[in-house]
């Protein structure tokens, strides 16, 4: 697949402080990728540069084969969706969605706005004022406003972070459905690995302005290559292997109740389907999970456990 969006040796800085040094990656047409990482890793800065809201120190950005590195946002054919919605409270839903089309003096505004509202399930809300909508509905209006101008790339910066858990799941389904129907290329910025796994075709994991690992969502989840990636995707037990490398296990891979190792239960957290125990042992702190329906261990109780080597992931780098 050829790159529809190409970022090549992009360097971004705030004054003399370099936030992103010589970053390079590509995105295929119609692909939904997630820029994932902790706060301050450079993911939003990278998105702002693609949008034209930040001027690079060096490097190039291409969209559909065109160099847009120095173009203003209005000439890049990108849509932007922010976590804050950025809607006009004194305008109706219809007027908010129509705003960009009116600025462009586009034809067939009414038909395009109503089609956009239909795509996000808000056709019957066209005459409502946006403050009268729920958070999820407001985010749908923001999506429709970005989509009706038919962008080549849709950029979403933590768009679901202000929603509660139920609405986040609902909006994830909306985004997937929109991407499937429109085929628009999407770049989704998030710090939430579960959100990235649920939405993205491919994940780009960042740390300190650099790419740590990128790949298909299932590959990133099951085969992290570094300690940072392993920890980010839930491999909370990382120990030295016999050959000097590192092995990593998820808490659900640890077998509690029997095995060659022994420790003391220091704490427990209940997560619905599983109880996760923190165990002090000669190997250090171990986290092991068991199904909630099984007998529970008590704090201070001695427990034996096993670290099945067949369940471990071998890490290539610290």
Protein backbone atom coordinates (compact mmCIF):
# COMPACT_ATOMS: atom_id res chain seq x y z
CA UNK A 1 0.00 0.00 0.00
CA UNK A 2 1.46 3.37 -1.02
CA UNK A 3 1.44 6.17 1.53
CA UNK A 4 -1.51 8.56 1.25
CA UNK A 5 -0.09 10.63 4.13
CA UNK A 6 3.68 10.76 4.40
CA UNK A 7 5.65 12.28 7.29
CA UNK A 8 9.36 12.35 6.50
CA UNK A 9 12.09 13.36 8.97
CA UNK A 10 9.76 15.81 10.68
CA UNK A 11 11.35 17.91 13.43
CA UNK A 12 9.07 20.00 15.64
CA UNK A 13 10.13 22.37 18.39
CA UNK A 14 8.77 24.86 20.89
CA UNK A 15 11.41 27.59 20.86
CA UNK A 16 14.75 25.88 21.41
CA UNK A 17 13.16 22.73 22.85
CA UNK A 18 12.80 19.94 20.31
CA UNK A 19 9.58 18.00 20.96
CA UNK A 20 9.71 15.66 17.96
CA UNK A 21 13.09 14.83 16.35
CA UNK A 22 13.10 13.60 12.72
CA UNK A 23 9.88 11.57 12.86
CA UNK A 24 8.96 9.45 9.82
CA UNK A 25 5.88 7.29 9.12
CA UNK A 26 3.29 6.73 6.42
CA UNK A 27 -0.45 6.12 6.31
CA UNK A 28 -2.35 4.26 3.59
CA UNK A 29 -5.45 5.67 1.92
CA UNK A 30 -8.54 4.81 3.94
CA UNK A 31 -6.50 3.64 6.91
CA UNK A 32 -7.37 4.51 10.51
CA UNK A 33 -4.22 4.82 12.58
CA UNK A 34 -3.79 5.76 16.23
CA UNK A 35 -0.93 7.90 17.48
CA UNK A 36 -0.63 6.44 20.97
CA UNK A 37 1.50 7.33 23.95
CA UNK A 38 1.63 9.03 27.35
CA UNK A 39 1.15 12.76 27.85
CA UNK A 40 4.08 14.75 26.47
CA UNK A 41 5.21 12.08 23.99
CA UNK A 42 4.66 14.33 20.94
CA UNK A 43 1.53 12.76 19.47
CA UNK A 44 -0.65 15.89 19.56
CA UNK A 45 2.27 18.03 18.40
CA UNK A 46 2.65 15.72 15.40
CA UNK A 47 -1.06 15.94 14.63
CA UNK A 48 -0.97 19.75 14.85
CA UNK A 49 1.86 19.80 12.31
CA UNK A 50 -0.11 17.58 9.91
CA UNK A 51 -3.09 19.91 10.33
CA UNK A 52 -0.98 22.99 9.59
CA UNK A 53 -1.33 24.44 13.08
CA UNK A 54 2.43 24.21 13.71
CA UNK A 55 5.36 24.98 11.43
CA UNK A 56 8.12 22.31 11.36
CA UNK A 57 11.77 23.18 11.84
CA UNK A 58 12.56 20.65 9.11
CA UNK A 59 11.11 17.67 7.27
CA UNK A 60 8.15 17.26 4.92
CA UNK A 61 4.47 16.36 5.13
CA UNK A 62 2.68 15.06 2.03
CA UNK A 63 -1.02 14.36 1.58
CA UNK A 64 -2.14 12.48 -1.53
CA UNK A 65 1.27 13.11 -3.10
CA UNK A 66 1.20 16.88 -2.53
CA UNK A 67 3.76 18.64 -0.32
CA UNK A 68 1.66 20.54 2.24
CA UNK A 69 4.47 21.31 4.71
CA UNK A 70 4.16 25.09 4.34
CA UNK A 71 0.49 25.35 3.38
CA UNK A 72 -2.07 26.90 5.75
CA UNK A 73 -4.72 24.59 7.25
CA UNK A 74 -7.42 25.84 4.87
CA UNK A 75 -5.50 24.52 1.85
CA UNK A 76 -4.62 21.06 3.21
CA UNK A 77 -8.04 19.39 2.83
CA UNK A 78 -8.00 18.09 6.39
CA UNK A 79 -10.78 17.95 8.96
CA UNK A 80 -10.20 18.49 12.68
CA UNK A 81 -12.12 17.07 15.63
CA UNK A 82 -11.02 18.16 19.12
CA UNK A 83 -11.92 16.89 22.58
CA UNK A 84 -13.54 20.25 23.39
CA UNK A 85 -16.10 20.00 20.51
CA UNK A 86 -15.55 23.73 19.63
CA UNK A 87 -19.20 24.28 18.67
CA UNK A 88 -21.01 27.62 18.46
CA UNK A 89 -23.55 27.61 21.33
CA UNK A 90 -25.78 30.29 19.75
CA UNK A 91 -26.18 28.33 16.50
CA UNK A 92 -28.37 25.33 15.78
CA UNK A 93 -26.95 21.91 14.99
CA UNK A 94 -27.67 22.54 11.29
CA UNK A 95 -25.92 25.93 11.36
CA UNK A 96 -22.87 24.49 13.14
CA UNK A 97 -22.47 21.73 10.56
CA UNK A 98 -23.09 24.15 7.68
CA UNK A 99 -20.52 26.68 8.90
CA UNK A 100 -17.52 25.36 6.98
CA UNK A 101 -19.53 24.86 3.81
CA UNK A 102 -20.81 28.44 3.95
CA UNK A 103 -17.28 29.76 4.43
CA UNK A 104 -16.28 27.87 1.27
CA UNK A 105 -19.42 29.01 -0.60
CA UNK A 106 -20.07 25.35 -1.37
CA UNK A 107 -23.08 24.21 -3.43
CA UNK A 108 -25.97 22.07 -2.14
CA UNK A 109 -25.38 23.04 1.47
CA UNK A 110 -28.72 21.83 2.84
CA UNK A 111 -28.44 18.40 1.20
CA UNK A 112 -24.85 17.95 2.36
CA UNK A 113 -25.59 19.02 5.94
CA UNK A 114 -28.59 16.72 6.25
CA UNK A 115 -26.58 13.83 4.79
CA UNK A 116 -23.80 14.57 7.31
CA UNK A 117 -26.26 14.58 10.19
CA UNK A 118 -27.76 11.34 8.91
CA UNK A 119 -24.31 9.73 8.95
CA UNK A 120 -23.91 10.46 12.68
CA UNK A 121 -27.53 9.70 13.61
CA UNK A 122 -28.61 13.29 14.30
CA UNK A 123 -30.89 14.13 11.38
CA UNK A 124 -33.80 14.79 13.76
CA UNK A 125 -31.70 17.20 15.85
CA UNK A 126 -30.99 19.74 13.09
CA UNK A 127 -32.93 22.58 14.75
CA UNK A 128 -31.63 22.05 18.31
CA UNK A 129 -29.15 24.41 19.93
CA UNK A 130 -25.92 22.59 20.79
CA UNK A 131 -26.01 23.34 24.58
CA UNK A 132 -29.22 21.27 24.69
CA UNK A 133 -27.36 18.16 23.50
CA UNK A 134 -25.49 15.52 25.50
CA UNK A 135 -21.70 15.30 25.32
CA UNK A 136 -21.88 12.38 22.91
CA UNK A 137 -24.33 14.22 20.67
CA UNK A 138 -22.14 17.32 20.63
CA UNK A 139 -19.17 15.22 19.59
CA UNK A 140 -21.27 13.78 16.76
CA UNK A 141 -22.07 17.31 15.58
CA UNK A 142 -18.35 18.10 15.62
CA UNK A 143 -17.71 14.98 13.52
CA UNK A 144 -20.43 15.85 11.02
CA UNK A 145 -19.08 19.41 10.66
CA UNK A 146 -15.64 18.04 9.79
CA UNK A 147 -16.95 15.38 7.42
CA UNK A 148 -19.32 17.50 5.29
CA UNK A 149 -16.39 19.43 3.79
CA UNK A 150 -15.15 16.06 2.46
CA UNK A 151 -11.59 16.17 3.86
CA UNK A 152 -8.92 13.88 2.50
CA UNK A 153 -7.72 13.27 6.07
CA UNK A 154 -9.69 13.48 9.32
CA UNK A 155 -7.60 14.31 12.39
CA UNK A 156 -9.03 13.52 15.83
CA UNK A 157 -7.27 14.77 18.95
CA UNK A 158 -8.39 12.80 22.05
CA UNK A 159 -12.01 13.27 20.86
CA UNK A 160 -13.56 10.86 23.37
CA UNK A 161 -11.68 11.81 26.52
CA UNK A 162 -14.46 14.07 27.84
CA UNK A 163 -17.11 11.34 27.58
CA UNK A 164 -18.09 8.77 30.19
CA UNK A 165 -17.28 5.09 29.65
CA UNK A 166 -20.64 4.18 28.07
CA UNK A 167 -20.56 7.11 25.64
CA UNK A 168 -16.93 6.38 24.73
CA UNK A 169 -17.91 2.88 23.65
CA UNK A 170 -20.86 4.27 21.70
CA UNK A 171 -18.70 6.86 19.93
CA UNK A 172 -16.07 4.24 19.08
CA UNK A 173 -18.76 2.37 17.15
CA UNK A 174 -19.86 5.60 15.45
CA UNK A 175 -16.29 6.36 14.35
CA UNK A 176 -15.74 2.85 13.02
CA UNK A 177 -19.03 3.01 11.12
CA UNK A 178 -18.19 6.42 9.62
CA UNK A 179 -14.74 5.28 8.58
CA UNK A 180 -16.21 2.18 6.94
CA UNK A 181 -18.92 4.14 5.07
CA UNK A 182 -16.81 7.10 3.92
CA UNK A 183 -13.38 5.50 3.52
CA UNK A 184 -11.79 8.70 4.84
CA UNK A 185 -8.22 8.41 6.10
CA UNK A 186 -8.20 8.98 9.89
CA UNK A 187 -5.46 9.84 12.36
CA UNK A 188 -6.64 9.34 15.94
CA UNK A 189 -4.60 10.72 18.84
CA UNK A 190 -5.06 9.02 22.21
CA UNK A 191 -3.25 8.05 25.42
CA UNK A 192 -5.70 5.16 26.02
CA UNK A 193 -4.38 1.84 24.71
CA UNK A 194 -7.79 0.14 24.91
CA UNK A 195 -9.26 2.89 22.75
CA UNK A 196 -6.43 2.57 20.23
CA UNK A 197 -6.87 -1.21 20.09
CA UNK A 198 -10.63 -0.92 19.60
CA UNK A 199 -10.44 1.65 16.80
CA UNK A 200 -7.20 1.52 14.88
CA UNK A 201 -6.13 -0.58 11.93
CA UNK A 202 -2.58 0.25 12.91
CA UNK A 203 -1.00 1.81 16.00
CA UNK A 204 2.03 4.10 16.18
CA UNK A 205 3.35 4.03 19.76
CA UNK A 206 5.38 7.11 20.71
CA UNK A 207 7.72 8.06 23.53
CA UNK A 208 9.74 11.29 23.84
CA UNK A 209 8.87 12.34 20.30
CA UNK A 210 10.03 9.08 18.73
CA UNK A 211 8.28 5.96 17.47
CA UNK A 212 8.89 3.04 19.82
CA UNK A 213 6.95 0.50 17.76
CA UNK A 214 4.26 0.50 15.09
CA UNK A 215 2.13 -2.26 13.68
CA UNK A 216 -1.31 -3.80 13.41
CA UNK A 217 -3.38 -3.46 16.57
CA UNK A 218 -3.40 -7.21 17.29
CA UNK A 219 0.36 -7.41 16.76
CA UNK A 220 1.01 -4.53 19.16
CA UNK A 221 -1.21 -6.14 21.79
CA UNK A 222 0.27 -9.62 21.60
CA UNK A 223 3.90 -8.99 20.60
CA UNK A 224 5.39 -5.82 22.12
CA UNK A 225 9.12 -5.61 21.46
CA UNK A 226 10.40 -3.26 24.19
CA UNK A 227 9.88 -2.90 27.93
CA UNK A 228 8.04 0.39 27.33
CA UNK A 229 5.67 -1.17 24.80
CA UNK A 230 5.09 -4.24 26.96
CA UNK A 231 4.22 -2.16 30.00
CA UNK A 232 1.95 0.08 27.91
CA UNK A 233 -0.03 -2.90 26.62
CA UNK A 234 -0.56 -4.56 29.98
CA UNK A 235 2.44 -6.87 30.45
CA UNK A 236 2.90 -5.78 34.06
CA UNK A 237 5.34 -8.52 35.06
CA UNK A 238 8.76 -7.98 33.47
CA UNK A 239 11.66 -10.10 34.72
CA UNK A 240 15.17 -11.07 33.56
CA UNK A 241 15.32 -14.22 31.45
CA UNK A 242 17.95 -16.92 31.82
CA UNK A 243 19.86 -15.64 28.79
CA UNK A 244 20.07 -12.08 30.13
CA UNK A 245 17.14 -10.74 28.14
CA UNK A 246 13.72 -9.77 29.46
CA UNK A 247 10.52 -11.77 29.67
CA UNK A 248 7.09 -10.23 30.18
CA UNK A 249 3.78 -11.71 31.37
CA UNK A 250 0.28 -10.33 31.65
CA UNK A 251 -1.28 -10.77 35.13
CA UNK A 252 -3.76 -13.24 33.60
CA UNK A 253 -0.84 -15.47 32.52
CA UNK A 254 0.43 -15.93 36.09
CA UNK A 255 -0.84 -19.16 37.70
CA UNK A 256 -1.75 -18.64 41.34
CA UNK A 257 -2.15 -21.37 43.94
CA UNK A 258 0.60 -23.70 42.78
CA UNK A 259 4.13 -23.48 41.36
CA UNK A 260 7.80 -23.18 42.25
CA UNK A 261 7.65 -19.60 43.58
CA UNK A 262 6.16 -18.24 46.78
CA UNK A 263 5.06 -14.80 47.86
CA UNK A 264 2.76 -12.86 50.15
CA UNK A 265 -0.45 -11.16 49.05
CA UNK A 266 -0.02 -7.41 49.62
CA UNK A 267 -3.20 -6.15 47.99
CA UNK A 268 -6.08 -6.92 45.67
CA UNK A 269 -8.13 -4.98 43.14
CA UNK A 270 -11.48 -6.15 41.77
CA UNK A 271 -12.04 -5.60 38.06
CA UNK A 272 -15.36 -7.33 37.43
CA UNK A 273 -14.35 -10.56 35.69
CA UNK A 274 -11.00 -10.78 37.48
CA UNK A 275 -9.37 -10.13 40.83
CA UNK A 276 -5.80 -8.93 40.46
CA UNK A 277 -3.40 -9.61 43.35
CA UNK A 278 -0.16 -7.81 44.15
CA UNK A 279 2.35 -10.33 45.49
CA UNK A 280 5.63 -9.59 47.26
CA UNK A 281 8.16 -12.28 46.38
CA UNK A 282 11.87 -12.98 46.02
CA UNK A 283 11.44 -12.13 42.32
CA UNK A 284 10.08 -8.70 43.22
CA UNK A 285 6.50 -7.48 42.87
CA UNK A 286 4.28 -9.84 40.87
CA UNK A 287 0.74 -9.13 39.66
CA UNK A 288 -1.49 -12.13 39.08
CA UNK A 289 -5.16 -12.26 38.08
CA UNK A 290 -7.73 -14.97 38.67
CA UNK A 291 -11.37 -15.15 37.66
CA UNK A 292 -13.63 -13.52 40.21
CA UNK A 293 -15.73 -16.66 40.66
CA UNK A 294 -12.79 -18.62 42.10
CA UNK A 295 -11.94 -18.61 45.84
CA UNK A 296 -10.21 -15.40 46.87
CA UNK A 297 -6.85 -14.99 48.60
CA UNK A 298 -6.60 -12.77 51.66
CA UNK A 299 -4.17 -9.95 52.32
CA UNK A 300 -1.07 -11.28 54.10
CA UNK A 301 -1.73 -14.83 52.88
CA UNK A 302 1.14 -16.91 51.51
CA UNK A 303 0.58 -18.06 47.96
CA UNK A 304 2.51 -20.17 45.48
CA UNK A 305 2.66 -19.17 41.84
CA UNK A 306 4.12 -20.12 38.48
CA UNK A 307 5.45 -18.01 35.61
CA UNK A 308 4.80 -20.21 32.56
CA UNK A 309 7.57 -19.52 30.06
CA UNK A 310 5.24 -20.44 27.22
CA UNK A 311 2.98 -17.53 28.19
CA UNK A 312 5.82 -14.99 28.23
CA UNK A 313 6.78 -12.47 25.55
CA UNK A 314 10.49 -12.07 24.96
CA UNK A 315 11.45 -8.41 24.69
CA UNK A 316 14.07 -7.19 22.22
CA UNK A 317 14.95 -3.98 24.06
CA UNK A 318 14.72 -2.42 27.49
